[in-house]
């Protein structure tokens, strides 16, 4: 099992290319994808090239970034044999599961009190540490499909609540308010595995 996780900034560029902006991309005062930023960012073309040689029974990619559904859902993308280049086609070819924190035209929220983006918090804190992703069925283990589907389901709930209960909220001076449209992750599941890898087990 190979799990690739990114939590940070993302930008959708022209021509259907999506860019991850890691911490060493550097500062920019411009709110556009200028050439210098493009050179330092990680594009979906870069990701596809790096992943092409990976041979694994199961590959999962978690992208907690704005516009992250654009990692796969680029203009005109239709998965199928001998399709176009890019991460979407590679995901289809290799049976990769990709959970994107937000739709291609939407942002991913980060909440200071949580110290995470909503998707990362849902998967790690609620999903694994609080065992809430053990839900389909409730059997003291969390498999890959269960975990990813839980994350996609939990993020809109966290966002719609307007506050976050539990451990994070106990240290907050006031409820977390998020007034924009509800964040909705998107799961691209091209896996053809007969058995689901186990992510966590509980006594």
N, C-alpha and C. Protein backbone atom coordinates (compact mmCIF):
# COMPACT_ATOMS: atom_id res chain seq x y z
N UNK A 1 0.85 -1.19 0.00
CA UNK A 1 0.00 0.00 0.00
C UNK A 1 0.89 1.24 0.00
N UNK A 2 0.65 2.14 -0.95
CA UNK A 2 1.35 3.42 -1.02
C UNK A 2 0.33 4.53 -0.79
N UNK A 3 0.58 5.37 0.21
CA UNK A 3 -0.29 6.51 0.50
C UNK A 3 0.51 7.79 0.28
N UNK A 4 0.01 8.66 -0.59
CA UNK A 4 0.63 9.95 -0.85
C UNK A 4 -0.33 11.02 -0.35
N UNK A 5 0.12 11.84 0.59
CA UNK A 5 -0.75 12.86 1.18
C UNK A 5 -0.12 14.24 1.02
N UNK A 6 -0.94 15.19 0.61
CA UNK A 6 -0.48 16.58 0.50
C UNK A 6 -1.53 17.47 1.16
N UNK A 7 -1.08 18.37 2.03
CA UNK A 7 -1.96 19.35 2.63
C UNK A 7 -1.29 20.71 2.49
N UNK A 8 -1.92 21.59 1.74
CA UNK A 8 -1.33 22.91 1.48
C UNK A 8 -2.13 23.65 0.43
N UNK A 9 -1.44 24.44 -0.37
CA UNK A 9 -2.11 25.25 -1.39
C UNK A 9 -2.11 24.54 -2.74
N UNK A 10 -3.17 24.77 -3.50
CA UNK A 10 -3.27 24.23 -4.84
C UNK A 10 -3.90 25.25 -5.77
N UNK A 11 -3.49 25.23 -7.02
CA UNK A 11 -4.03 26.15 -8.02
C UNK A 11 -4.31 25.41 -9.31
N UNK A 12 -5.46 25.69 -9.91
CA UNK A 12 -5.78 25.13 -11.22
C UNK A 12 -5.30 26.10 -12.28
N UNK A 13 -4.45 25.63 -13.18
CA UNK A 13 -3.94 26.48 -14.24
C UNK A 13 -4.75 26.33 -15.51
N UNK A 14 -4.38 27.06 -16.52
CA UNK A 14 -5.06 26.95 -17.81
C UNK A 14 -4.69 25.63 -18.47
N UNK A 15 -5.55 25.14 -19.34
CA UNK A 15 -5.26 23.91 -20.07
C UNK A 15 -5.47 22.66 -19.26
N UNK A 16 -6.15 22.76 -18.08
CA UNK A 16 -6.47 21.59 -17.29
C UNK A 16 -5.35 21.09 -16.40
N UNK A 17 -4.25 21.84 -16.25
CA UNK A 17 -3.16 21.42 -15.38
C UNK A 17 -3.39 21.97 -13.98
N UNK A 18 -3.16 21.13 -12.99
CA UNK A 18 -3.31 21.52 -11.58
C UNK A 18 -1.92 21.56 -10.96
N UNK A 19 -1.71 22.49 -10.02
CA UNK A 19 -0.41 22.67 -9.38
C UNK A 19 -0.53 22.60 -7.88
N UNK A 20 0.34 21.81 -7.26
CA UNK A 20 0.51 21.81 -5.81
C UNK A 20 1.61 22.80 -5.46
N UNK A 21 1.41 23.58 -4.40
CA UNK A 21 2.39 24.58 -4.00
C UNK A 21 2.96 24.18 -2.63
N UNK A 22 4.05 23.42 -2.61
CA UNK A 22 4.63 22.98 -1.33
C UNK A 22 5.28 24.13 -0.58
N UNK A 23 5.70 23.86 0.65
CA UNK A 23 6.22 24.92 1.52
C UNK A 23 7.48 25.58 0.97
N UNK A 24 8.25 24.87 0.15
CA UNK A 24 9.47 25.47 -0.40
C UNK A 24 9.26 26.12 -1.77
N UNK A 25 7.99 26.33 -2.14
CA UNK A 25 7.71 27.02 -3.40
C UNK A 25 8.17 28.46 -3.34
N UNK A 26 8.13 29.06 -2.14
CA UNK A 26 8.55 30.45 -1.98
C UNK A 26 7.36 31.38 -1.92
N UNK A 27 7.63 32.60 -1.53
CA UNK A 27 6.57 33.60 -1.36
C UNK A 27 6.22 34.26 -2.68
N UNK A 28 4.97 34.69 -2.77
CA UNK A 28 4.53 35.44 -3.94
C UNK A 28 3.43 36.40 -3.50
N UNK A 29 3.48 37.62 -3.99
CA UNK A 29 2.45 38.59 -3.65
C UNK A 29 1.35 38.62 -4.70
N UNK A 30 1.54 37.88 -5.79
CA UNK A 30 0.55 37.87 -6.87
C UNK A 30 -0.40 36.70 -6.71
N UNK A 31 -1.69 36.94 -6.95
CA UNK A 31 -2.69 35.88 -6.83
C UNK A 31 -2.96 35.26 -8.20
N UNK A 32 -1.89 34.88 -8.86
CA UNK A 32 -2.03 34.22 -10.16
C UNK A 32 -0.85 33.28 -10.34
N UNK A 33 -1.01 32.38 -11.31
CA UNK A 33 0.01 31.37 -11.54
C UNK A 33 1.01 31.90 -12.56
N UNK A 34 1.92 32.77 -12.12
CA UNK A 34 2.91 33.33 -13.02
C UNK A 34 4.01 32.31 -13.28
N UNK A 35 4.85 32.56 -14.26
CA UNK A 35 5.81 31.57 -14.74
C UNK A 35 6.81 31.14 -13.67
N UNK A 36 7.26 32.08 -12.83
CA UNK A 36 8.21 31.72 -11.78
C UNK A 36 7.60 30.75 -10.79
N UNK A 37 6.35 31.00 -10.41
CA UNK A 37 5.65 30.11 -9.49
C UNK A 37 5.40 28.75 -10.14
N UNK A 38 5.06 28.75 -11.39
CA UNK A 38 4.81 27.50 -12.12
C UNK A 38 6.05 26.61 -12.14
N UNK A 39 7.23 27.23 -12.29
CA UNK A 39 8.49 26.45 -12.33
C UNK A 39 8.78 25.78 -11.00
N UNK A 40 8.36 26.42 -9.89
CA UNK A 40 8.68 25.89 -8.57
C UNK A 40 7.59 24.99 -7.99
N UNK A 41 6.41 24.99 -8.60
CA UNK A 41 5.30 24.18 -8.12
C UNK A 41 5.40 22.75 -8.67
N UNK A 42 4.52 21.87 -8.18
CA UNK A 42 4.45 20.49 -8.64
C UNK A 42 3.18 20.36 -9.48
N UNK A 43 3.32 20.06 -10.74
CA UNK A 43 2.17 19.97 -11.63
C UNK A 43 1.62 18.54 -11.67
N UNK A 44 0.40 18.40 -12.17
CA UNK A 44 -0.15 17.07 -12.37
C UNK A 44 0.69 16.27 -13.37
N UNK A 45 1.33 16.95 -14.30
CA UNK A 45 2.24 16.25 -15.22
C UNK A 45 3.44 15.68 -14.47
N UNK A 46 3.98 16.45 -13.51
CA UNK A 46 5.08 15.95 -12.68
C UNK A 46 4.64 14.72 -11.89
N UNK A 47 3.46 14.81 -11.26
CA UNK A 47 2.95 13.70 -10.46
C UNK A 47 2.78 12.44 -11.31
N UNK A 48 2.21 12.61 -12.49
CA UNK A 48 2.00 11.47 -13.38
C UNK A 48 3.32 10.82 -13.75
N UNK A 49 4.33 11.64 -14.02
CA UNK A 49 5.65 11.12 -14.39
C UNK A 49 6.27 10.35 -13.22
N UNK A 50 6.17 10.89 -12.01
CA UNK A 50 6.76 10.24 -10.83
C UNK A 50 6.05 8.93 -10.50
N UNK A 51 4.72 8.91 -10.67
CA UNK A 51 3.94 7.74 -10.26
C UNK A 51 3.94 6.62 -11.30
N UNK A 52 4.33 6.96 -12.52
CA UNK A 52 4.24 5.97 -13.60
C UNK A 52 5.04 4.70 -13.30
N UNK A 53 6.18 4.84 -12.63
CA UNK A 53 7.03 3.69 -12.37
C UNK A 53 6.68 2.97 -11.06
N UNK A 54 5.74 3.50 -10.29
CA UNK A 54 5.39 2.88 -9.00
C UNK A 54 4.55 1.63 -9.25
N UNK A 55 5.00 0.51 -8.70
CA UNK A 55 4.30 -0.76 -8.83
C UNK A 55 3.85 -1.18 -7.44
N UNK A 56 2.57 -1.05 -7.14
CA UNK A 56 2.06 -1.36 -5.81
C UNK A 56 0.70 -2.02 -5.94
N UNK A 57 0.34 -2.79 -4.91
CA UNK A 57 -0.97 -3.43 -4.91
C UNK A 57 -2.09 -2.42 -4.79
N UNK A 58 -1.85 -1.34 -4.06
CA UNK A 58 -2.87 -0.30 -3.87
C UNK A 58 -2.17 1.04 -3.68
N UNK A 59 -2.67 2.07 -4.36
CA UNK A 59 -2.12 3.42 -4.24
C UNK A 59 -3.26 4.37 -3.91
N UNK A 60 -3.06 5.19 -2.89
CA UNK A 60 -4.04 6.20 -2.51
C UNK A 60 -3.37 7.56 -2.49
N UNK A 61 -4.10 8.57 -2.94
CA UNK A 61 -3.59 9.93 -2.94
C UNK A 61 -4.61 10.82 -2.24
N UNK A 62 -4.16 11.56 -1.23
CA UNK A 62 -5.02 12.47 -0.47
C UNK A 62 -4.53 13.89 -0.74
N UNK A 63 -5.39 14.72 -1.31
CA UNK A 63 -4.99 16.08 -1.68
C UNK A 63 -5.88 17.07 -0.94
N UNK A 64 -5.36 17.63 0.15
CA UNK A 64 -6.09 18.60 0.96
C UNK A 64 -5.65 19.99 0.53
N UNK A 65 -6.22 20.46 -0.57
CA UNK A 65 -5.82 21.75 -1.15
C UNK A 65 -6.99 22.33 -1.93
N UNK A 66 -6.97 23.63 -2.13
CA UNK A 66 -7.99 24.28 -2.94
C UNK A 66 -7.98 23.73 -4.37
N UNK A 67 -9.17 23.65 -4.96
CA UNK A 67 -9.35 23.24 -6.36
C UNK A 67 -8.81 21.83 -6.63
N UNK A 68 -8.69 21.00 -5.58
CA UNK A 68 -7.94 19.76 -5.72
C UNK A 68 -8.59 18.70 -6.59
N UNK A 69 -9.90 18.77 -6.83
CA UNK A 69 -10.50 17.82 -7.77
C UNK A 69 -9.91 17.97 -9.16
N UNK A 70 -9.28 19.11 -9.41
CA UNK A 70 -8.64 19.34 -10.71
C UNK A 70 -7.41 18.46 -10.91
N UNK A 71 -6.94 17.77 -9.85
CA UNK A 71 -5.85 16.81 -10.05
C UNK A 71 -6.28 15.74 -11.05
N UNK A 72 -7.57 15.42 -11.05
CA UNK A 72 -8.10 14.39 -11.95
C UNK A 72 -9.07 14.98 -12.94
N UNK A 73 -10.01 15.78 -12.41
CA UNK A 73 -11.17 16.23 -13.18
C UNK A 73 -10.83 17.42 -14.07
N UNK A 74 -9.85 17.24 -14.95
CA UNK A 74 -9.46 18.34 -15.84
C UNK A 74 -10.40 18.39 -17.03
N UNK A 75 -10.34 19.47 -17.74
CA UNK A 75 -11.25 19.71 -18.86
C UNK A 75 -11.19 18.57 -19.89
N UNK A 76 -12.36 17.98 -20.15
CA UNK A 76 -12.43 16.95 -21.18
C UNK A 76 -11.96 15.58 -20.74
N UNK A 77 -11.62 15.39 -19.45
CA UNK A 77 -11.10 14.09 -19.02
C UNK A 77 -12.20 13.05 -18.97
N UNK A 78 -11.97 11.93 -19.65
CA UNK A 78 -12.87 10.78 -19.59
C UNK A 78 -12.00 9.54 -19.44
N UNK A 79 -12.03 8.91 -18.25
CA UNK A 79 -11.14 7.77 -18.04
C UNK A 79 -11.46 6.62 -18.98
N UNK A 80 -10.44 6.00 -19.50
CA UNK A 80 -10.63 4.86 -20.39
C UNK A 80 -9.30 4.38 -20.92
N UNK A 81 -9.28 3.21 -21.53
CA UNK A 81 -8.03 2.70 -22.10
C UNK A 81 -7.45 3.66 -23.13
N UNK A 82 -6.14 3.84 -23.07
CA UNK A 82 -5.43 4.67 -24.04
C UNK A 82 -5.93 6.11 -24.07
N UNK A 83 -6.25 6.64 -22.90
CA UNK A 83 -6.75 8.01 -22.82
C UNK A 83 -5.62 9.02 -22.82
N UNK A 84 -5.96 10.26 -22.47
CA UNK A 84 -4.99 11.35 -22.49
C UNK A 84 -4.00 11.19 -21.34
N UNK A 85 -2.88 11.94 -21.43
CA UNK A 85 -1.88 11.90 -20.36
C UNK A 85 -2.43 12.62 -19.14
N UNK A 86 -1.75 12.49 -18.02
CA UNK A 86 -2.14 13.20 -16.82
C UNK A 86 -2.48 12.24 -15.69
N UNK A 87 -2.71 12.82 -14.48
CA UNK A 87 -2.95 12.02 -13.30
C UNK A 87 -4.26 11.25 -13.41
N UNK A 88 -5.29 11.84 -14.00
CA UNK A 88 -6.57 11.15 -14.13
C UNK A 88 -6.45 9.86 -14.91
N UNK A 89 -5.78 9.92 -16.06
CA UNK A 89 -5.60 8.72 -16.87
C UNK A 89 -4.70 7.71 -16.15
N UNK A 90 -3.65 8.20 -15.50
CA UNK A 90 -2.76 7.31 -14.77
C UNK A 90 -3.52 6.63 -13.63
N UNK A 91 -4.40 7.37 -12.93
CA UNK A 91 -5.20 6.79 -11.86
C UNK A 91 -6.08 5.67 -12.40
N UNK A 92 -6.64 5.89 -13.56
CA UNK A 92 -7.46 4.84 -14.19
C UNK A 92 -6.61 3.63 -14.54
N UNK A 93 -5.47 3.88 -15.16
CA UNK A 93 -4.60 2.78 -15.61
C UNK A 93 -4.07 1.94 -14.45
N UNK A 94 -3.71 2.61 -13.34
CA UNK A 94 -3.08 1.91 -12.21
C UNK A 94 -4.06 1.58 -11.09
N UNK A 95 -5.31 1.95 -11.23
CA UNK A 95 -6.29 1.67 -10.18
C UNK A 95 -6.05 2.48 -8.92
N UNK A 96 -5.66 3.76 -9.08
CA UNK A 96 -5.36 4.62 -7.94
C UNK A 96 -6.66 5.24 -7.40
N UNK A 97 -6.73 5.39 -6.07
CA UNK A 97 -7.82 6.12 -5.44
C UNK A 97 -7.31 7.52 -5.09
N UNK A 98 -8.06 8.54 -5.46
CA UNK A 98 -7.67 9.91 -5.15
C UNK A 98 -8.83 10.59 -4.42
N UNK A 99 -8.56 11.08 -3.21
CA UNK A 99 -9.56 11.85 -2.46
C UNK A 99 -9.12 13.30 -2.47
N UNK A 100 -9.90 14.13 -3.16
CA UNK A 100 -9.63 15.57 -3.27
C UNK A 100 -10.49 16.32 -2.26
N UNK A 101 -9.91 17.27 -1.56
CA UNK A 101 -10.62 17.98 -0.49
C UNK A 101 -11.73 18.87 -1.00
N UNK A 102 -11.63 19.32 -2.26
CA UNK A 102 -12.60 20.30 -2.76
C UNK A 102 -12.85 20.08 -4.24
N UNK A 103 -13.95 20.64 -4.71
CA UNK A 103 -14.25 20.59 -6.13
C UNK A 103 -13.25 21.45 -6.91
N UNK A 104 -13.18 21.24 -8.21
CA UNK A 104 -12.18 21.93 -9.03
C UNK A 104 -12.33 23.45 -9.00
N UNK A 105 -13.53 23.95 -8.69
CA UNK A 105 -13.76 25.40 -8.68
C UNK A 105 -13.99 25.94 -7.27
N UNK A 106 -13.58 25.19 -6.25
CA UNK A 106 -13.86 25.61 -4.87
C UNK A 106 -12.57 25.56 -4.05
N UNK A 107 -12.65 26.15 -2.85
CA UNK A 107 -11.49 26.20 -1.96
C UNK A 107 -11.61 25.14 -0.87
N UNK A 108 -10.48 24.79 -0.28
CA UNK A 108 -10.44 23.88 0.87
C UNK A 108 -10.17 24.72 2.12
N UNK A 109 -10.97 24.50 3.15
CA UNK A 109 -10.85 25.32 4.36
C UNK A 109 -9.79 24.79 5.31
N UNK A 110 -9.10 25.73 5.95
CA UNK A 110 -8.18 25.43 7.04
C UNK A 110 -8.69 26.18 8.26
N UNK A 111 -8.69 25.50 9.41
CA UNK A 111 -9.21 26.11 10.63
C UNK A 111 -8.10 26.16 11.66
N UNK A 112 -7.81 27.37 12.15
CA UNK A 112 -6.69 27.55 13.07
C UNK A 112 -6.80 26.70 14.32
N UNK A 113 -8.03 26.60 14.88
CA UNK A 113 -8.20 25.83 16.11
C UNK A 113 -7.92 24.35 15.89
N UNK A 114 -8.15 23.86 14.68
CA UNK A 114 -7.92 22.45 14.38
C UNK A 114 -6.47 22.15 14.04
N UNK A 115 -5.74 23.18 13.58
CA UNK A 115 -4.35 23.03 13.12
C UNK A 115 -4.25 22.08 11.93
N UNK A 116 -5.32 21.99 11.17
CA UNK A 116 -5.38 21.13 9.98
C UNK A 116 -6.39 21.72 9.00
N UNK A 117 -6.32 21.29 7.74
CA UNK A 117 -7.43 21.47 6.83
C UNK A 117 -8.54 20.52 7.26
N UNK A 118 -9.78 20.80 6.82
CA UNK A 118 -10.91 19.98 7.25
C UNK A 118 -10.76 18.52 6.83
N UNK A 119 -10.25 18.27 5.62
CA UNK A 119 -10.12 16.88 5.18
C UNK A 119 -9.09 16.12 6.01
N UNK A 120 -7.95 16.73 6.26
CA UNK A 120 -6.91 16.08 7.07
C UNK A 120 -7.43 15.80 8.47
N UNK A 121 -8.13 16.77 9.06
CA UNK A 121 -8.71 16.59 10.39
C UNK A 121 -9.72 15.44 10.39
N UNK A 122 -10.61 15.42 9.39
CA UNK A 122 -11.63 14.37 9.31
C UNK A 122 -11.00 12.99 9.21
N UNK A 123 -9.98 12.85 8.37
CA UNK A 123 -9.36 11.54 8.16
C UNK A 123 -8.54 11.08 9.37
N UNK A 124 -7.71 11.98 9.91
CA UNK A 124 -6.77 11.58 10.96
C UNK A 124 -7.40 11.63 12.36
N UNK A 125 -7.89 12.82 12.75
CA UNK A 125 -8.39 12.97 14.12
C UNK A 125 -9.71 12.23 14.32
N UNK A 126 -10.72 12.56 13.51
CA UNK A 126 -12.02 11.91 13.67
C UNK A 126 -11.97 10.47 13.15
N UNK A 127 -11.42 10.30 11.96
CA UNK A 127 -11.47 8.99 11.32
C UNK A 127 -10.70 7.91 12.03
N UNK A 128 -9.40 8.16 12.28
CA UNK A 128 -8.55 7.12 12.88
C UNK A 128 -8.45 7.27 14.40
N UNK A 129 -8.04 8.45 14.89
CA UNK A 129 -7.81 8.59 16.33
C UNK A 129 -9.09 8.41 17.14
N UNK A 130 -10.22 8.90 16.61
CA UNK A 130 -11.50 8.74 17.31
C UNK A 130 -12.30 7.54 16.78
N UNK A 131 -11.71 6.78 15.84
CA UNK A 131 -12.29 5.53 15.32
C UNK A 131 -13.65 5.71 14.65
N UNK A 132 -13.97 6.94 14.21
CA UNK A 132 -15.27 7.17 13.60
C UNK A 132 -15.37 6.62 12.18
N UNK A 133 -14.22 6.37 11.54
CA UNK A 133 -14.26 5.82 10.19
C UNK A 133 -14.58 4.33 10.19
N UNK A 134 -14.65 3.72 11.37
CA UNK A 134 -15.11 2.33 11.48
C UNK A 134 -16.63 2.37 11.50
N UNK A 135 -17.23 2.46 10.31
CA UNK A 135 -18.68 2.67 10.27
C UNK A 135 -19.40 1.80 9.25
N UNK A 136 -18.65 1.11 8.37
CA UNK A 136 -19.36 0.39 7.29
C UNK A 136 -18.63 -0.90 6.92
N UNK A 137 -18.79 -1.99 7.74
CA UNK A 137 -19.56 -2.10 8.99
C UNK A 137 -18.70 -1.71 10.19
N UNK A 138 -19.32 -1.61 11.35
CA UNK A 138 -18.58 -1.32 12.58
C UNK A 138 -18.01 -2.64 13.08
N UNK A 139 -16.71 -2.88 12.80
CA UNK A 139 -16.12 -4.19 13.07
C UNK A 139 -14.71 -4.10 13.65
N UNK A 140 -14.39 -2.96 14.24
CA UNK A 140 -13.09 -2.74 14.89
C UNK A 140 -11.91 -2.71 13.91
N UNK A 141 -12.20 -2.42 12.65
CA UNK A 141 -11.12 -2.14 11.71
C UNK A 141 -11.61 -1.13 10.68
N UNK A 142 -10.65 -0.39 10.14
CA UNK A 142 -10.95 0.61 9.10
C UNK A 142 -10.19 0.19 7.86
N UNK A 143 -10.92 -0.07 6.78
CA UNK A 143 -10.23 -0.39 5.53
C UNK A 143 -10.17 0.85 4.64
N UNK A 144 -9.47 0.73 3.53
CA UNK A 144 -9.20 1.90 2.68
C UNK A 144 -10.47 2.54 2.16
N UNK A 145 -11.41 1.73 1.65
CA UNK A 145 -12.65 2.28 1.10
C UNK A 145 -13.46 2.97 2.18
N UNK A 146 -13.52 2.36 3.35
CA UNK A 146 -14.26 2.92 4.48
C UNK A 146 -13.67 4.27 4.89
N UNK A 147 -12.34 4.34 4.98
CA UNK A 147 -11.65 5.56 5.42
C UNK A 147 -11.88 6.71 4.45
N UNK A 148 -11.69 6.45 3.16
CA UNK A 148 -11.85 7.52 2.18
C UNK A 148 -13.30 7.98 2.09
N UNK A 149 -14.24 7.05 2.12
CA UNK A 149 -15.65 7.43 2.08
C UNK A 149 -16.06 8.19 3.32
N UNK A 150 -15.49 7.82 4.48
CA UNK A 150 -15.76 8.57 5.70
C UNK A 150 -15.28 10.01 5.56
N UNK A 151 -14.05 10.20 5.06
CA UNK A 151 -13.52 11.55 4.88
C UNK A 151 -14.40 12.40 3.98
N UNK A 152 -14.85 11.82 2.87
CA UNK A 152 -15.72 12.56 1.93
C UNK A 152 -17.04 12.93 2.58
N UNK A 153 -17.54 12.08 3.46
CA UNK A 153 -18.81 12.33 4.14
C UNK A 153 -18.66 13.30 5.30
N UNK A 154 -17.54 13.22 6.01
CA UNK A 154 -17.37 13.99 7.25
C UNK A 154 -17.07 15.46 7.02
N UNK A 155 -16.32 15.79 5.97
CA UNK A 155 -15.93 17.19 5.74
C UNK A 155 -17.14 18.12 5.62
N UNK A 156 -18.17 17.81 4.82
CA UNK A 156 -19.33 18.72 4.77
C UNK A 156 -20.03 18.85 6.12
N UNK A 157 -20.02 17.78 6.91
CA UNK A 157 -20.63 17.87 8.24
C UNK A 157 -19.86 18.84 9.13
N UNK A 158 -18.53 18.72 9.13
CA UNK A 158 -17.70 19.63 9.93
C UNK A 158 -17.92 21.07 9.50
N UNK A 159 -17.97 21.28 8.19
CA UNK A 159 -18.12 22.63 7.67
C UNK A 159 -19.49 23.20 7.98
N UNK A 160 -20.53 22.38 7.83
CA UNK A 160 -21.90 22.84 8.03
C UNK A 160 -22.22 23.10 9.50
N UNK A 161 -21.53 22.41 10.39
CA UNK A 161 -21.78 22.60 11.82
C UNK A 161 -21.46 24.02 12.27
N UNK A 162 -20.49 24.65 11.62
CA UNK A 162 -20.12 26.00 12.00
C UNK A 162 -19.27 26.05 13.24
N UNK A 163 -19.16 24.94 13.95
CA UNK A 163 -18.23 24.83 15.06
C UNK A 163 -17.74 23.40 15.08
N UNK A 164 -16.68 23.15 15.80
CA UNK A 164 -16.08 21.83 15.82
C UNK A 164 -16.07 21.33 17.25
N UNK A 165 -16.78 20.25 17.48
CA UNK A 165 -16.85 19.70 18.82
C UNK A 165 -15.59 18.92 19.13
N UNK A 166 -15.50 18.48 20.38
CA UNK A 166 -14.41 17.59 20.74
C UNK A 166 -13.15 18.30 21.16
N UNK A 167 -12.05 17.62 21.01
CA UNK A 167 -10.75 18.04 21.54
C UNK A 167 -10.34 19.43 21.06
N UNK A 168 -10.49 19.71 19.76
CA UNK A 168 -10.02 20.98 19.22
C UNK A 168 -10.83 22.15 19.75
N UNK A 169 -12.16 21.97 19.87
CA UNK A 169 -13.00 23.08 20.27
C UNK A 169 -12.84 23.44 21.74
N UNK A 170 -12.38 22.49 22.55
CA UNK A 170 -12.22 22.78 23.98
C UNK A 170 -11.23 23.91 24.22
N UNK A 171 -10.26 24.06 23.31
CA UNK A 171 -9.29 25.12 23.47
C UNK A 171 -9.65 26.40 22.72
N UNK A 172 -10.79 26.38 22.04
CA UNK A 172 -11.18 27.54 21.22
C UNK A 172 -11.94 28.54 22.08
N UNK A 173 -11.70 29.82 21.85
CA UNK A 173 -12.38 30.85 22.62
C UNK A 173 -13.80 31.10 22.12
N UNK A 174 -14.08 30.75 20.87
CA UNK A 174 -15.42 30.93 20.31
C UNK A 174 -15.61 29.90 19.20
N UNK A 175 -16.87 29.65 18.80
CA UNK A 175 -17.11 28.66 17.74
C UNK A 175 -16.44 29.06 16.44
N UNK A 176 -16.08 28.06 15.65
CA UNK A 176 -15.50 28.30 14.33
C UNK A 176 -16.64 28.59 13.36
N UNK A 177 -16.62 29.74 12.71
CA UNK A 177 -17.68 30.10 11.77
C UNK A 177 -17.12 30.11 10.35
N UNK A 178 -17.79 29.41 9.44
CA UNK A 178 -17.37 29.35 8.05
C UNK A 178 -18.61 29.60 7.20
N UNK A 179 -18.74 30.76 6.60
CA UNK A 179 -20.00 31.19 6.01
C UNK A 179 -20.15 30.85 4.53
N UNK A 180 -19.06 30.45 3.86
CA UNK A 180 -19.16 30.20 2.43
C UNK A 180 -19.84 28.86 2.16
N UNK A 181 -20.04 28.53 0.89
CA UNK A 181 -20.70 27.29 0.51
C UNK A 181 -19.97 26.11 1.14
N UNK A 182 -20.74 25.09 1.47
CA UNK A 182 -20.19 23.92 2.15
C UNK A 182 -19.13 23.23 1.30
N UNK A 183 -17.99 22.94 1.91
CA UNK A 183 -16.91 22.25 1.22
C UNK A 183 -17.31 20.79 0.98
N UNK A 184 -17.16 20.33 -0.27
CA UNK A 184 -17.52 18.97 -0.62
C UNK A 184 -16.35 18.26 -1.30
N UNK A 185 -15.72 17.31 -0.61
CA UNK A 185 -14.64 16.55 -1.24
C UNK A 185 -15.16 15.72 -2.42
N UNK A 186 -14.22 15.24 -3.22
CA UNK A 186 -14.57 14.39 -4.36
C UNK A 186 -13.64 13.18 -4.36
N UNK A 187 -14.24 11.99 -4.39
CA UNK A 187 -13.48 10.75 -4.38
C UNK A 187 -13.48 10.13 -5.77
N UNK A 188 -12.28 9.92 -6.29
CA UNK A 188 -12.11 9.21 -7.56
C UNK A 188 -11.55 7.84 -7.20
N UNK A 189 -12.35 6.81 -7.34
CA UNK A 189 -11.92 5.47 -6.93
C UNK A 189 -11.86 4.57 -8.16
N UNK A 190 -10.64 4.40 -8.68
CA UNK A 190 -10.43 3.54 -9.85
C UNK A 190 -9.86 2.17 -9.44
N UNK A 191 -9.88 1.90 -8.13
CA UNK A 191 -9.28 0.65 -7.63
C UNK A 191 -10.06 -0.55 -8.14
N UNK A 192 -9.33 -1.57 -8.54
CA UNK A 192 -9.95 -2.83 -8.94
C UNK A 192 -9.52 -3.95 -8.00
N UNK A 193 -9.04 -3.58 -6.80
CA UNK A 193 -8.56 -4.57 -5.83
C UNK A 193 -9.71 -5.42 -5.31
N UNK A 194 -9.46 -6.71 -5.17
CA UNK A 194 -10.46 -7.62 -4.63
C UNK A 194 -10.58 -7.49 -3.12
N UNK A 195 -9.46 -7.18 -2.46
CA UNK A 195 -9.46 -7.02 -1.01
C UNK A 195 -9.03 -5.61 -0.65
N UNK A 196 -9.66 -5.05 0.37
CA UNK A 196 -9.34 -3.69 0.81
C UNK A 196 -8.17 -3.72 1.79
N UNK A 197 -7.14 -2.88 1.59
CA UNK A 197 -6.08 -2.78 2.60
C UNK A 197 -6.64 -2.22 3.91
N UNK A 198 -6.15 -2.73 5.03
CA UNK A 198 -6.58 -2.26 6.34
C UNK A 198 -5.73 -1.08 6.75
N UNK A 199 -6.39 0.02 7.14
CA UNK A 199 -5.71 1.24 7.57
C UNK A 199 -5.45 1.23 9.07
N UNK A 200 -6.41 0.75 9.86
CA UNK A 200 -6.26 0.74 11.31
C UNK A 200 -7.14 -0.36 11.90
N UNK A 201 -6.71 -0.91 13.06
CA UNK A 201 -7.52 -1.87 13.81
C UNK A 201 -7.62 -1.40 15.26
N UNK A 202 -8.65 -1.85 15.95
CA UNK A 202 -8.92 -1.42 17.32
C UNK A 202 -9.24 -2.62 18.19
N UNK A 203 -8.88 -2.54 19.48
CA UNK A 203 -9.19 -3.62 20.43
C UNK A 203 -10.66 -3.56 20.83
